[in-house]
Amino acid sequence: MKKKKRLNQKGFTLIEMVMVLFIISVLMLLIVPNVVKQKDSIDIQGTEALVTVIQTQVELYELDGQEVAVSLDSLQQQGYLTAKQVKQATAKSITITNGIVSSSKNE
């Protein structure tokens, strides 16, 4: 009686399991590189947007008759930028030179 129960048990074979793992691996190989490319693209767009915001604030700072030698710290002290924006700009190597904002990591 016990032998009959064992023979009727159904399950996946080793070949079926290997095929499933192979298909999942192929899908991962196709999906993961695209996700990484999207992340890089988003990082670049975020940096460009932050550069644009800081450039706008530099121009407002200069239009308000403030000193010409402007820095991220002076923009924060005068209320043109938040501490979070300055922290992000520092992390992304954004600099201000002669009133022009640029990023060395923008590539």
C-alpha atoms as a PDB file:
ATOM      1  CA  MET A   1       0.000   0.000   0.000  1.00  0.00           C
ATOM      2  CA  LYS A   2       2.815   2.407   0.830  1.00  0.00           C
ATOM      3  CA  LYS A   3       4.533   1.645  -2.475  1.00  0.00           C
ATOM      4  CA  LYS A   4       1.464   2.740  -4.444  1.00  0.00           C
ATOM      5  CA  LYS A   5       1.387   6.116  -2.682  1.00  0.00           C
ATOM      6  CA  ARG A   6       5.023   6.780  -3.462  1.00  0.00           C
ATOM      7  CA  LEU A   7       4.603   5.947  -7.144  1.00  0.00           C
ATOM      8  CA  ASN A   8       1.645   8.314  -7.517  1.00  0.00           C
ATOM      9  CA  GLN A   9       3.472  11.336  -6.096  1.00  0.00           C
ATOM     10  CA  LYS A  10       3.840  14.079  -8.666  1.00  0.00           C
ATOM     11  CA  GLY A  11       6.517  16.753  -8.720  1.00  0.00           C
ATOM     12  CA  PHE A  12       8.946  18.669 -10.882  1.00  0.00           C
ATOM     13  CA  THR A  13      11.860  16.872 -12.440  1.00  0.00           C
ATOM     14  CA  LEU A  14      15.402  18.147 -12.215  1.00  0.00           C
ATOM     15  CA  ILE A  15      15.338  19.089 -15.907  1.00  0.00           C
ATOM     16  CA  GLU A  16      12.191  21.185 -15.437  1.00  0.00           C
ATOM     17  CA  MET A  17      13.756  23.021 -12.507  1.00  0.00           C
ATOM     18  CA  VAL A  18      16.966  23.669 -14.471  1.00  0.00           C
ATOM     19  CA  MET A  19      14.929  25.057 -17.393  1.00  0.00           C
ATOM     20  CA  VAL A  20      13.025  27.413 -15.081  1.00  0.00           C
ATOM     21  CA  LEU A  21      16.278  28.665 -13.550  1.00  0.00           C
ATOM     22  CA  PHE A  22      17.748  29.131 -17.039  1.00  0.00           C
ATOM     23  CA  ILE A  23      14.759  31.205 -18.181  1.00  0.00           C
ATOM     24  CA  ILE A  24      14.925  33.357 -15.041  1.00  0.00           C
ATOM     25  CA  SER A  25      18.666  33.886 -15.582  1.00  0.00           C
ATOM     26  CA  VAL A  26      18.125  34.989 -19.187  1.00  0.00           C
ATOM     27  CA  LEU A  27      15.428  37.440 -18.115  1.00  0.00           C
ATOM     28  CA  MET A  28      17.718  38.871 -15.431  1.00  0.00           C
ATOM     29  CA  LEU A  29      20.517  39.314 -17.975  1.00  0.00           C
ATOM     30  CA  LEU A  30      18.143  41.318 -20.155  1.00  0.00           C
ATOM     31  CA  ILE A  31      16.541  43.427 -17.423  1.00  0.00           C
ATOM     32  CA  VAL A  32      19.394  44.360 -15.056  1.00  0.00           C
ATOM     33  CA  PRO A  33      21.559  46.285 -17.589  1.00  0.00           C
ATOM     34  CA  ASN A  34      18.547  48.348 -18.663  1.00  0.00           C
ATOM     35  CA  VAL A  35      17.762  49.264 -15.058  1.00  0.00           C
ATOM     36  CA  VAL A  36      21.362  50.389 -14.514  1.00  0.00           C
ATOM     37  CA  LYS A  37      21.269  52.530 -17.681  1.00  0.00           C
ATOM     38  CA  GLN A  38      18.008  54.147 -16.542  1.00  0.00           C
ATOM     39  CA  LYS A  39      19.507  54.944 -13.132  1.00  0.00           C
ATOM     40  CA  ASP A  40      22.539  56.579 -14.745  1.00  0.00           C
ATOM     41  CA  SER A  41      20.283  58.595 -17.042  1.00  0.00           C
ATOM     42  CA  ILE A  42      18.174  59.767 -14.104  1.00  0.00           C
ATOM     43  CA  ASP A  43      21.293  60.761 -12.146  1.00  0.00           C
ATOM     44  CA  ILE A  44      22.535  62.864 -15.081  1.00  0.00           C
ATOM     45  CA  GLN A  45      19.144  64.554 -15.494  1.00  0.00           C
ATOM     46  CA  GLY A  46      18.995  65.258 -11.757  1.00  0.00           C
ATOM     47  CA  THR A  47      22.436  66.849 -11.821  1.00  0.00           C
ATOM     48  CA  GLU A  48      21.503  68.983 -14.838  1.00  0.00           C
ATOM     49  CA  ALA A  49      18.330  70.139 -13.080  1.00  0.00           C
ATOM     50  CA  LEU A  50      20.264  71.041  -9.926  1.00  0.00           C
ATOM     51  CA  VAL A  51      22.821  72.989 -11.991  1.00  0.00           C
ATOM     52  CA  THR A  52      19.951  74.914 -13.624  1.00  0.00           C
ATOM     53  CA  VAL A  53      18.361  75.716 -10.244  1.00  0.00           C
ATOM     54  CA  ILE A  54      21.659  76.919  -8.788  1.00  0.00           C
ATOM     55  CA  GLN A  55      22.423  78.998 -11.906  1.00  0.00           C
ATOM     56  CA  THR A  56      19.018  80.660 -11.585  1.00  0.00           C
ATOM     57  CA  GLN A  57      19.664  81.416  -7.919  1.00  0.00           C
ATOM     58  CA  VAL A  58      23.118  82.843  -8.749  1.00  0.00           C
ATOM     59  CA  GLU A  59      21.509  85.189 -11.270  1.00  0.00           C
ATOM     60  CA  LEU A  60      18.884  86.270  -8.727  1.00  0.00           C
ATOM     61  CA  TYR A  61      21.631  86.783  -6.156  1.00  0.00           C
ATOM     62  CA  GLU A  62      23.539  89.040  -8.561  1.00  0.00           C
ATOM     63  CA  LEU A  63      20.375  90.918  -9.623  1.00  0.00           C
ATOM     64  CA  ASP A  64      19.657  91.711  -5.987  1.00  0.00           C
ATOM     65  CA  GLY A  65      22.951  93.631  -5.929  1.00  0.00           C
ATOM     66  CA  GLN A  66      24.875  91.119  -3.882  1.00  0.00           C
ATOM     67  CA  GLU A  67      28.623  90.588  -4.173  1.00  0.00           C
ATOM     68  CA  VAL A  68      29.938  89.189  -7.435  1.00  0.00           C
ATOM     69  CA  ALA A  69      32.039  86.441  -5.813  1.00  0.00           C
ATOM     70  CA  VAL A  70      29.228  84.023  -5.053  1.00  0.00           C
ATOM     71  CA  SER A  71      29.558  80.585  -3.474  1.00  0.00           C
ATOM     72  CA  LEU A  72      27.217  77.805  -2.431  1.00  0.00           C
ATOM     73  CA  ASP A  73      27.646  78.806   1.215  1.00  0.00           C
ATOM     74  CA  SER A  74      26.802  82.458   0.568  1.00  0.00           C
ATOM     75  CA  LEU A  75      23.710  81.422  -1.408  1.00  0.00           C
ATOM     76  CA  GLN A  76      22.600  79.268   1.515  1.00  0.00           C
ATOM     77  CA  GLN A  77      23.275  81.994   4.100  1.00  0.00           C
ATOM     78  CA  GLN A  78      21.236  84.514   2.115  1.00  0.00           C
ATOM     79  CA  GLY A  79      18.335  82.042   1.708  1.00  0.00           C
ATOM     80  CA  TYR A  80      18.694  81.396  -2.014  1.00  0.00           C
ATOM     81  CA  LEU A  81      19.463  77.685  -1.512  1.00  0.00           C
ATOM     82  CA  THR A  82      18.465  75.180   1.131  1.00  0.00           C
ATOM     83  CA  ALA A  83      20.941  73.100   3.114  1.00  0.00           C
ATOM     84  CA  LYS A  84      19.739  70.018   1.225  1.00  0.00           C
ATOM     85  CA  GLN A  85      20.478  71.659  -2.142  1.00  0.00           C
ATOM     86  CA  VAL A  86      23.967  72.660  -1.001  1.00  0.00           C
ATOM     87  CA  LYS A  87      24.630  69.137   0.274  1.00  0.00           C
ATOM     88  CA  GLN A  88      23.510  67.639  -3.069  1.00  0.00           C
ATOM     89  CA  ALA A  89      25.578  70.166  -5.006  1.00  0.00           C
ATOM     90  CA  THR A  90      28.655  69.319  -2.962  1.00  0.00           C
ATOM     91  CA  ALA A  91      28.084  65.581  -3.470  1.00  0.00           C
ATOM     92  CA  LYS A  92      27.724  66.084  -7.232  1.00  0.00           C
ATOM     93  CA  SER A  93      30.851  68.296  -7.442  1.00  0.00           C
ATOM     94  CA  ILE A  94      28.918  71.360  -8.589  1.00  0.00           C
ATOM     95  CA  THR A  95      31.003  74.534  -8.515  1.00  0.00           C
ATOM     96  CA  ILE A  96      30.428  78.221  -9.177  1.00  0.00           C
ATOM     97  CA  THR A  97      33.164  80.048 -11.089  1.00  0.00           C
ATOM     98  CA  ASN A  98      32.683  83.723 -12.025  1.00  0.00           C
ATOM     99  CA  GLY A  99      28.910  83.339 -11.742  1.00  0.00           C
ATOM    100  CA  ILE A 100      28.804  80.225 -13.942  1.00  0.00           C
ATOM    101  CA  VAL A 101      27.605  76.953 -12.408  1.00  0.00           C
ATOM    102  CA  SER A 102      29.139  73.707 -13.654  1.00  0.00           C
ATOM    103  CA  SER A 103      29.463  70.078 -12.634  1.00  0.00           C
ATOM    104  CA  SER A 104      32.443  67.833 -13.191  1.00  0.00           C
ATOM    105  CA  LYS A 105      30.245  64.709 -12.773  1.00  0.00           C
ATOM    106  CA  ASN A 106      27.771  65.796 -15.458  1.00  0.00           C
ATOM    107  CA  GLU A 107      29.206  63.375 -18.016  1.00  0.00           C
END
